[in-house]
Protein backbone atom coordinates (compact mmCIF):
# COMPACT_ATOMS: atom_id res chain seq x y z
CA MET A 1 96.85 108.43 86.62
CA LYS A 2 93.61 107.70 88.81
CA THR A 3 93.19 104.08 90.10
CA SER A 4 90.43 103.04 87.97
CA GLU A 5 92.87 103.69 84.88
CA LEU A 6 95.25 101.24 86.20
CA GLY A 7 95.39 97.71 85.02
CA TRP A 8 95.11 95.57 88.62
CA PHE A 9 95.44 92.28 88.52
CA LYS A 10 95.94 89.23 91.21
CA SER A 11 97.96 86.58 91.50
CA SER A 12 97.74 83.53 89.92
CA TYR A 13 97.96 81.96 93.46
CA SER A 14 95.09 83.58 94.49
CA SER A 15 91.74 81.42 95.38
CA ALA A 16 88.76 81.42 93.06
CA GLN A 17 86.75 82.83 95.85
CA GLY A 18 88.61 85.89 95.89
CA ASP A 19 89.30 86.05 99.38
CA ASP A 20 92.36 87.82 101.20
CA CYS A 21 93.99 89.13 98.26
CA VAL A 22 95.94 91.82 97.12
CA GLU A 23 95.68 93.28 93.47
CA VAL A 24 98.66 95.07 92.06
CA ALA A 25 99.16 97.52 89.02
CA LEU A 26 102.57 97.89 87.21
CA THR A 27 102.90 101.38 85.70
CA GLU A 28 106.65 102.45 84.23
CA GLU A 29 107.15 104.75 87.54
CA ALA A 30 105.68 102.58 89.95
CA VAL A 31 103.78 99.40 91.43
CA HIS A 32 100.50 100.06 93.05
CA VAL A 33 99.12 97.86 95.51
CA ARG A 34 95.16 97.50 97.09
CA ASP A 35 93.21 95.26 99.23
CA SER A 36 91.03 93.33 96.54
CA LYS A 37 88.33 93.25 99.34
CA ASP A 38 88.03 97.18 99.55
CA VAL A 39 88.82 98.54 96.25
CA THR A 40 87.70 102.00 97.60
CA ARG A 41 90.06 102.23 99.99
CA PRO A 42 93.95 103.98 99.31
CA HIS A 43 95.98 102.22 97.72
CA PHE A 44 100.17 102.21 98.41
CA THR A 45 102.51 103.06 96.00
CA PHE A 46 106.27 101.55 95.27
CA GLY A 47 109.26 102.56 93.67
CA CYS A 48 109.99 100.22 90.95
CA GLU A 49 113.48 99.62 92.84
CA GLU A 50 111.85 99.02 96.35
CA TRP A 51 109.20 96.65 94.96
CA ALA A 52 112.13 94.81 93.61
CA ARG A 53 113.66 94.70 97.33
CA PHE A 54 110.89 93.39 98.37
CA VAL A 55 110.25 90.59 96.05
CA LEU A 56 113.39 89.37 96.92
CA PHE A 57 113.17 89.58 100.33
CA ALA A 58 109.89 87.57 100.15
CA ALA A 59 111.26 85.06 97.86
CA ARG A 60 114.31 84.54 100.45
CA ASP A 61 113.93 80.76 101.83
């Protein structure tokens, strides 16, 4: 799937100014992450299990 075909979205916690954010696109096979300030740069792709581990780690106190 091409990057332009993915449904990219920002966190609801992102500022309205759009600075310093990442965008995420979900597919059945993977989670794609890119820099919202320069969407022409390559994005990162994580397997769903890898992403779940990252989210659990990031949510820890």
